[in-house]
PDB file of N, CA and C in Angstrom:
ATOM      1  N   MET A   1       6.229  -9.231   0.542  1.00  0.00           N
ATOM      2  CA  MET A   1       5.503  -8.956   1.774  1.00  0.00           C
ATOM      3  C   MET A   1       4.028  -8.662   1.451  1.00  0.00           C
ATOM      4  N   ASN A   2       3.160  -9.040   2.328  1.00  0.00           N
ATOM      5  CA  ASN A   2       1.738  -8.984   2.013  1.00  0.00           C
ATOM      6  C   ASN A   2       1.010  -7.667   2.406  1.00  0.00           C
ATOM      7  N   GLY A   3       1.626  -6.802   3.142  1.00  0.00           N
ATOM      8  CA  GLY A   3       0.983  -5.515   3.432  1.00  0.00           C
ATOM      9  C   GLY A   3       0.021  -5.489   4.577  1.00  0.00           C
ATOM     10  N   GLN A   4      -0.011  -6.565   5.395  1.00  0.00           N
ATOM     11  CA  GLN A   4      -0.932  -6.592   6.540  1.00  0.00           C
ATOM     12  C   GLN A   4      -0.359  -6.015   7.837  1.00  0.00           C
ATOM     13  N   ARG A   5       0.953  -5.732   7.828  1.00  0.00           N
ATOM     14  CA  ARG A   5       1.607  -5.214   9.029  1.00  0.00           C
ATOM     15  C   ARG A   5       2.142  -3.834   8.789  1.00  0.00           C
ATOM     16  N   ARG A   6       1.738  -2.887   9.635  1.00  0.00           N
ATOM     17  CA  ARG A   6       2.075  -1.467   9.477  1.00  0.00           C
ATOM     18  C   ARG A   6       3.586  -1.253   9.532  1.00  0.00           C
ATOM     19  N   GLU A   7       4.265  -2.003  10.316  1.00  0.00           N
ATOM     20  CA  GLU A   7       5.721  -1.824  10.543  1.00  0.00           C
ATOM     21  C   GLU A   7       6.535  -2.082   9.255  1.00  0.00           C
ATOM     22  N   GLN A   8       5.923  -2.808   8.332  1.00  0.00           N
ATOM     23  CA  GLN A   8       6.640  -3.101   7.063  1.00  0.00           C
ATOM     24  C   GLN A   8       6.596  -1.913   6.062  1.00  0.00           C
ATOM     25  N   LEU A   9       5.749  -0.948   6.321  1.00  0.00           N
ATOM     26  CA  LEU A   9       5.500   0.141   5.409  1.00  0.00           C
ATOM     27  C   LEU A   9       6.120   1.451   5.910  1.00  0.00           C
ATOM     28  N   GLN A  10       6.485   2.283   4.969  1.00  0.00           N
ATOM     29  CA  GLN A  10       6.926   3.649   5.321  1.00  0.00           C
ATOM     30  C   GLN A  10       6.654   4.556   4.055  1.00  0.00           C
ATOM     31  N   ALA A  11       6.594   5.824   4.292  1.00  0.00           N
ATOM     32  CA  ALA A  11       6.476   6.738   3.172  1.00  0.00           C
ATOM     33  C   ALA A  11       7.559   6.535   2.210  1.00  0.00           C
ATOM     34  N   GLY A  12       7.203   6.419   0.913  1.00  0.00           N
ATOM     35  CA  GLY A  12       8.187   6.160  -0.126  1.00  0.00           C
ATOM     36  C   GLY A  12       8.253   4.730  -0.591  1.00  0.00           C
ATOM     37  N   SER A  13       7.524   3.822   0.178  1.00  0.00           N
ATOM     38  CA  SER A  13       7.473   2.393  -0.242  1.00  0.00           C
ATOM     39  C   SER A  13       6.740   2.226  -1.553  1.00  0.00           C
ATOM     40  N   LEU A  14       7.198   1.349  -2.408  1.00  0.00           N
ATOM     41  CA  LEU A  14       6.516   0.983  -3.656  1.00  0.00           C
ATOM     42  C   LEU A  14       5.584  -0.145  -3.352  1.00  0.00           C
ATOM     43  N   VAL A  15       4.268   0.020  -3.641  1.00  0.00           N
ATOM     44  CA  VAL A  15       3.246  -0.982  -3.260  1.00  0.00           C
ATOM     45  C   VAL A  15       2.242  -1.206  -4.406  1.00  0.00           C
ATOM     46  N   ASP A  16       1.565  -2.321  -4.295  1.00  0.00           N
ATOM     47  CA  ASP A  16       0.353  -2.578  -5.072  1.00  0.00           C
ATOM     48  C   ASP A  16      -0.805  -2.499  -4.116  1.00  0.00           C
ATOM     49  N   ILE A  17      -1.835  -1.701  -4.474  1.00  0.00           N
ATOM     50  CA  ILE A  17      -2.984  -1.589  -3.633  1.00  0.00           C
ATOM     51  C   ILE A  17      -4.264  -1.945  -4.401  1.00  0.00           C
ATOM     52  N   VAL A  18      -5.346  -2.229  -3.687  1.00  0.00           N
ATOM     53  CA  VAL A  18      -6.669  -2.415  -4.268  1.00  0.00           C
ATOM     54  C   VAL A  18      -7.489  -1.193  -3.853  1.00  0.00           C
ATOM     55  N   LEU A  19      -7.969  -0.416  -4.792  1.00  0.00           N
ATOM     56  CA  LEU A  19      -8.842   0.701  -4.505  1.00  0.00           C
ATOM     57  C   LEU A  19     -10.225   0.193  -4.093  1.00  0.00           C
ATOM     58  N   LYS A  20     -10.979   1.019  -3.317  1.00  0.00           N
ATOM     59  CA  LYS A  20     -12.310   0.646  -2.878  1.00  0.00           C
ATOM     60  C   LYS A  20     -13.175   0.237  -4.066  1.00  0.00           C
ATOM     61  N   ALA A  21     -13.114   0.997  -5.143  1.00  0.00           N
ATOM     62  CA  ALA A  21     -13.903   0.716  -6.336  1.00  0.00           C
ATOM     63  C   ALA A  21     -13.520  -0.557  -7.029  1.00  0.00           C
ATOM     64  N   ASP A  22     -12.305  -1.060  -6.778  1.00  0.00           N
ATOM     65  CA  ASP A  22     -11.809  -2.269  -7.406  1.00  0.00           C
ATOM     66  C   ASP A  22     -11.855  -3.508  -6.497  1.00  0.00           C
ATOM     67  N   GLN A  23     -12.503  -3.427  -5.368  1.00  0.00           N
ATOM     68  CA  GLN A  23     -12.463  -4.521  -4.435  1.00  0.00           C
ATOM     69  C   GLN A  23     -13.130  -5.766  -4.997  1.00  0.00           C
ATOM     70  N   ARG A  24     -14.165  -5.616  -5.785  1.00  0.00           N
ATOM     71  CA  ARG A  24     -14.858  -6.785  -6.382  1.00  0.00           C
ATOM     72  C   ARG A  24     -13.970  -7.488  -7.372  1.00  0.00           C
ATOM     73  N   THR A  25     -13.263  -6.705  -8.215  1.00  0.00           N
ATOM     74  CA  THR A  25     -12.434  -7.306  -9.249  1.00  0.00           C
ATOM     75  C   THR A  25     -11.029  -7.649  -8.766  1.00  0.00           C
ATOM     76  N   GLY A  26     -10.562  -6.982  -7.694  1.00  0.00           N
ATOM     77  CA  GLY A  26      -9.250  -7.190  -7.197  1.00  0.00           C
ATOM     78  C   GLY A  26      -8.155  -6.551  -8.051  1.00  0.00           C
ATOM     79  N   LYS A  27      -8.526  -5.643  -8.924  1.00  0.00           N
ATOM     80  CA  LYS A  27      -7.577  -4.938  -9.779  1.00  0.00           C
ATOM     81  C   LYS A  27      -6.542  -4.183  -8.901  1.00  0.00           C
ATOM     82  N   LEU A  28      -5.263  -4.384  -9.250  1.00  0.00           N
ATOM     83  CA  LEU A  28      -4.219  -3.736  -8.464  1.00  0.00           C
ATOM     84  C   LEU A  28      -3.781  -2.444  -9.128  1.00  0.00           C
ATOM     85  N   THR A  29      -3.440  -1.485  -8.260  1.00  0.00           N
ATOM     86  CA  THR A  29      -2.883  -0.211  -8.680  1.00  0.00           C
ATOM     87  C   THR A  29      -1.544  -0.011  -8.030  1.00  0.00           C
ATOM     88  N   ARG A  30      -0.525   0.269  -8.819  1.00  0.00           N
ATOM     89  CA  ARG A  30       0.862   0.432  -8.299  1.00  0.00           C
ATOM     90  C   ARG A  30       1.132   1.869  -8.013  1.00  0.00           C
ATOM     91  N   GLY A  31       1.841   2.150  -6.918  1.00  0.00           N
ATOM     92  CA  GLY A  31       2.197   3.498  -6.615  1.00  0.00           C
ATOM     93  C   GLY A  31       3.124   3.551  -5.429  1.00  0.00           C
ATOM     94  N   THR A  32       3.465   4.796  -5.037  1.00  0.00           N
ATOM     95  CA  THR A  32       4.391   5.076  -3.917  1.00  0.00           C
ATOM     96  C   THR A  32       3.606   5.621  -2.739  1.00  0.00           C
ATOM     97  N   VAL A  33       3.832   5.118  -1.565  1.00  0.00           N
ATOM     98  CA  VAL A  33       3.119   5.509  -0.365  1.00  0.00           C
ATOM     99  C   VAL A  33       3.436   6.920   0.012  1.00  0.00           C
ATOM    100  N   LYS A  34       2.423   7.779   0.219  1.00  0.00           N
ATOM    101  CA  LYS A  34       2.618   9.097   0.769  1.00  0.00           C
ATOM    102  C   LYS A  34       2.277   9.104   2.226  1.00  0.00           C
ATOM    103  N   ASP A  35       1.103   8.552   2.598  1.00  0.00           N
ATOM    104  CA  ASP A  35       0.638   8.526   3.985  1.00  0.00           C
ATOM    105  C   ASP A  35       0.091   7.103   4.345  1.00  0.00           C
ATOM    106  N   ILE A  36       0.336   6.677   5.571  1.00  0.00           N
ATOM    107  CA  ILE A  36      -0.256   5.436   6.064  1.00  0.00           C
ATOM    108  C   ILE A  36      -1.485   5.853   6.907  1.00  0.00           C
ATOM    109  N   LEU A  37      -2.641   5.347   6.500  1.00  0.00           N
ATOM    110  CA  LEU A  37      -3.897   5.790   7.071  1.00  0.00           C
ATOM    111  C   LEU A  37      -4.371   4.864   8.207  1.00  0.00           C
ATOM    112  N   THR A  38      -4.056   3.582   8.164  1.00  0.00           N
ATOM    113  CA  THR A  38      -4.458   2.649   9.215  1.00  0.00           C
ATOM    114  C   THR A  38      -3.690   2.934  10.470  1.00  0.00           C
ATOM    115  N   ARG A  39      -4.327   3.046  11.592  1.00  0.00           N
ATOM    116  CA  ARG A  39      -3.641   3.368  12.824  1.00  0.00           C
ATOM    117  C   ARG A  39      -3.178   2.091  13.573  1.00  0.00           C
ATOM    118  N   SER A  40      -3.911   0.970  13.407  1.00  0.00           N
ATOM    119  CA  SER A  40      -3.575  -0.259  14.113  1.00  0.00           C
ATOM    120  C   SER A  40      -2.307  -0.895  13.500  1.00  0.00           C
ATOM    121  N   ALA A  41      -1.662  -1.753  14.293  1.00  0.00           N
ATOM    122  CA  ALA A  41      -0.438  -2.411  13.865  1.00  0.00           C
ATOM    123  C   ALA A  41      -0.637  -3.346  12.693  1.00  0.00           C
ATOM    124  N   THR A  42      -1.792  -3.999  12.646  1.00  0.00           N
ATOM    125  CA  THR A  42      -2.103  -4.970  11.577  1.00  0.00           C
ATOM    126  C   THR A  42      -3.512  -4.756  11.117  1.00  0.00           C
ATOM    127  N   HIS A  43      -3.803  -5.271   9.921  1.00  0.00           N
ATOM    128  CA  HIS A  43      -5.172  -5.304   9.427  1.00  0.00           C
ATOM    129  C   HIS A  43      -5.288  -6.500   8.487  1.00  0.00           C
ATOM    130  N   PRO A  44      -6.347  -7.338   8.696  1.00  0.00           N
ATOM    131  CA  PRO A  44      -6.453  -8.561   7.871  1.00  0.00           C
ATOM    132  C   PRO A  44      -6.621  -8.333   6.348  1.00  0.00           C
ATOM    133  N   HIS A  45      -7.168  -7.193   5.977  1.00  0.00           N
ATOM    134  CA  HIS A  45      -7.407  -6.893   4.538  1.00  0.00           C
ATOM    135  C   HIS A  45      -6.272  -6.043   3.955  1.00  0.00           C
ATOM    136  N   GLY A  46      -5.274  -5.680   4.770  1.00  0.00           N
ATOM    137  CA  GLY A  46      -4.168  -4.862   4.264  1.00  0.00           C
ATOM    138  C   GLY A  46      -4.264  -3.462   4.893  1.00  0.00           C
ATOM    139  N   ILE A  47      -3.080  -2.861   5.071  1.00  0.00           N
ATOM    140  CA  ILE A  47      -2.976  -1.507   5.650  1.00  0.00           C
ATOM    141  C   ILE A  47      -3.469  -0.503   4.633  1.00  0.00           C
ATOM    142  N   LYS A  48      -4.318   0.430   5.049  1.00  0.00           N
ATOM    143  CA  LYS A  48      -4.819   1.469   4.117  1.00  0.00           C
ATOM    144  C   LYS A  48      -3.796   2.588   4.013  1.00  0.00           C
ATOM    145  N   VAL A  49      -3.521   2.970   2.767  1.00  0.00           N
ATOM    146  CA  VAL A  49      -2.528   3.987   2.501  1.00  0.00           C
ATOM    147  C   VAL A  49      -3.043   4.986   1.469  1.00  0.00           C
ATOM    148  N   ARG A  50      -2.434   6.142   1.419  1.00  0.00           N
ATOM    149  CA  ARG A  50      -2.660   7.184   0.356  1.00  0.00           C
ATOM    150  C   ARG A  50      -1.386   7.213  -0.480  1.00  0.00           C
ATOM    151  N   LEU A  51      -1.550   7.081  -1.761  1.00  0.00           N
ATOM    152  CA  LEU A  51      -0.393   7.109  -2.684  1.00  0.00           C
ATOM    153  C   LEU A  51      -0.050   8.613  -2.980  1.00  0.00           C
ATOM    154  N   THR A  52       1.097   8.814  -3.610  1.00  0.00           N
ATOM    155  CA  THR A  52       1.550  10.144  -3.931  1.00  0.00           C
ATOM    156  C   THR A  52       0.616  10.829  -4.874  1.00  0.00           C
ATOM    157  N   ASP A  53      -0.148  10.045  -5.695  1.00  0.00           N
ATOM    158  CA  ASP A  53      -1.124  10.644  -6.637  1.00  0.00           C
ATOM    159  C   ASP A  53      -2.455  10.854  -6.048  1.00  0.00           C
ATOM    160  N   GLY A  54      -2.640  10.566  -4.731  1.00  0.00           N
ATOM    161  CA  GLY A  54      -3.892  10.843  -4.013  1.00  0.00           C
ATOM    162  C   GLY A  54      -4.841   9.651  -3.924  1.00  0.00           C
ATOM    163  N   GLN A  55      -4.562   8.555  -4.589  1.00  0.00           N
ATOM    164  CA  GLN A  55      -5.444   7.402  -4.519  1.00  0.00           C
ATOM    165  C   GLN A  55      -5.269   6.705  -3.170  1.00  0.00           C
ATOM    166  N   VAL A  56      -6.392   6.142  -2.666  1.00  0.00           N
ATOM    167  CA  VAL A  56      -6.411   5.501  -1.378  1.00  0.00           C
ATOM    168  C   VAL A  56      -6.861   4.045  -1.565  1.00  0.00           C
ATOM    169  N   GLY A  57      -6.162   3.158  -0.916  1.00  0.00           N
ATOM    170  CA  GLY A  57      -6.577   1.738  -0.978  1.00  0.00           C
ATOM    171  C   GLY A  57      -5.785   0.931   0.075  1.00  0.00           C
ATOM    172  N   ARG A  58      -6.044  -0.384   0.032  1.00  0.00           N
ATOM    173  CA  ARG A  58      -5.385  -1.311   0.960  1.00  0.00           C
ATOM    174  C   ARG A  58      -4.238  -2.058   0.258  1.00  0.00           C
ATOM    175  N   VAL A  59      -3.131  -2.102   0.960  1.00  0.00           N
ATOM    176  CA  VAL A  59      -1.853  -2.708   0.424  1.00  0.00           C
ATOM    177  C   VAL A  59      -2.111  -4.197   0.248  1.00  0.00           C
ATOM    178  N   LYS A  60      -1.786  -4.726  -0.917  1.00  0.00           N
ATOM    179  CA  LYS A  60      -1.813  -6.138  -1.201  1.00  0.00           C
ATOM    180  C   LYS A  60      -0.431  -6.734  -1.290  1.00  0.00           C
ATOM    181  N   SER A  61       0.495  -5.919  -1.721  1.00  0.00           N
ATOM    182  CA  SER A  61       1.942  -6.357  -1.758  1.00  0.00           C
ATOM    183  C   SER A  61       2.836  -5.172  -1.647  1.00  0.00           C
ATOM    184  N   ILE A  62       3.979  -5.399  -1.027  1.00  0.00           N
ATOM    185  CA  ILE A  62       5.046  -4.390  -0.908  1.00  0.00           C
ATOM    186  C   ILE A  62       6.154  -4.845  -1.838  1.00  0.00           C
ATOM    187  N   LEU A  63       6.552  -3.971  -2.762  1.00  0.00           N
ATOM    188  CA  LEU A  63       7.520  -4.298  -3.767  1.00  0.00           C
ATOM    189  C   LEU A  63       8.887  -3.834  -3.332  1.00  0.00           C
ATOM    190  N   PRO A  64       9.949  -4.542  -3.725  1.00  0.00           N
ATOM    191  CA  PRO A  64      11.287  -4.052  -3.419  1.00  0.00           C
ATOM    192  C   PRO A  64      11.638  -2.776  -4.118  1.00  0.00           C
ATOM    193  N   SER A  65      12.306  -1.908  -3.415  1.00  0.00           N
ATOM    194  CA  SER A  65      12.673  -0.604  -4.029  1.00  0.00           C
ATOM    195  C   SER A  65      13.773  -0.873  -5.044  1.00  0.00           C
ATOM    196  N   SER A  66      13.719  -0.062  -6.147  1.00  0.00           N
ATOM    197  CA  SER A  66      14.745  -0.167  -7.187  1.00  0.00           C
ATOM    198  C   SER A  66      16.047   0.445  -6.708  1.00  0.00           C
ATOM    199  N   PRO A  67      17.208   0.026  -7.200  1.00  0.00           N
ATOM    200  CA  PRO A  67      18.509   0.487  -6.742  1.00  0.00           C
ATOM    201  C   PRO A  67      18.667   2.019  -6.842  1.00  0.00           C
ATOM    202  N   GLU A  68      18.053   2.668  -7.823  1.00  0.00           N
ATOM    203  CA  GLU A  68      18.208   4.097  -7.988  1.00  0.00           C
ATOM    204  C   GLU A  68      17.480   4.879  -6.916  1.00  0.00           C
ATOM    205  N   GLN A  69      16.577   4.245  -6.121  1.00  0.00           N
ATOM    206  CA  GLN A  69      15.867   4.920  -5.072  1.00  0.00           C
ATOM    207  C   GLN A  69      16.636   4.869  -3.748  1.00  0.00           C
ATOM    208  N   ASP A  70      17.649   4.072  -3.646  1.00  0.00           N
ATOM    209  CA  ASP A  70      18.458   3.936  -2.389  1.00  0.00           C
ATOM    210  C   ASP A  70      19.327   5.124  -2.144  1.00  0.00           C
TER     211      ASP A  70
END
């Protein structure tokens, strides 16, 4: 999933995001969603989230959860 629709995300989702500082390079940062910051249902550049480690960025891909997280 590409992370442009808010309904596809929830706290605890494993995602790859692009941090503001990495927008030029497109470097991805992997983490777990703590908070969903975008209020609209969709966003063309990806839904903005805060990860559990405090980093904020736009979701580029939503990863499947591993079996031990279910």
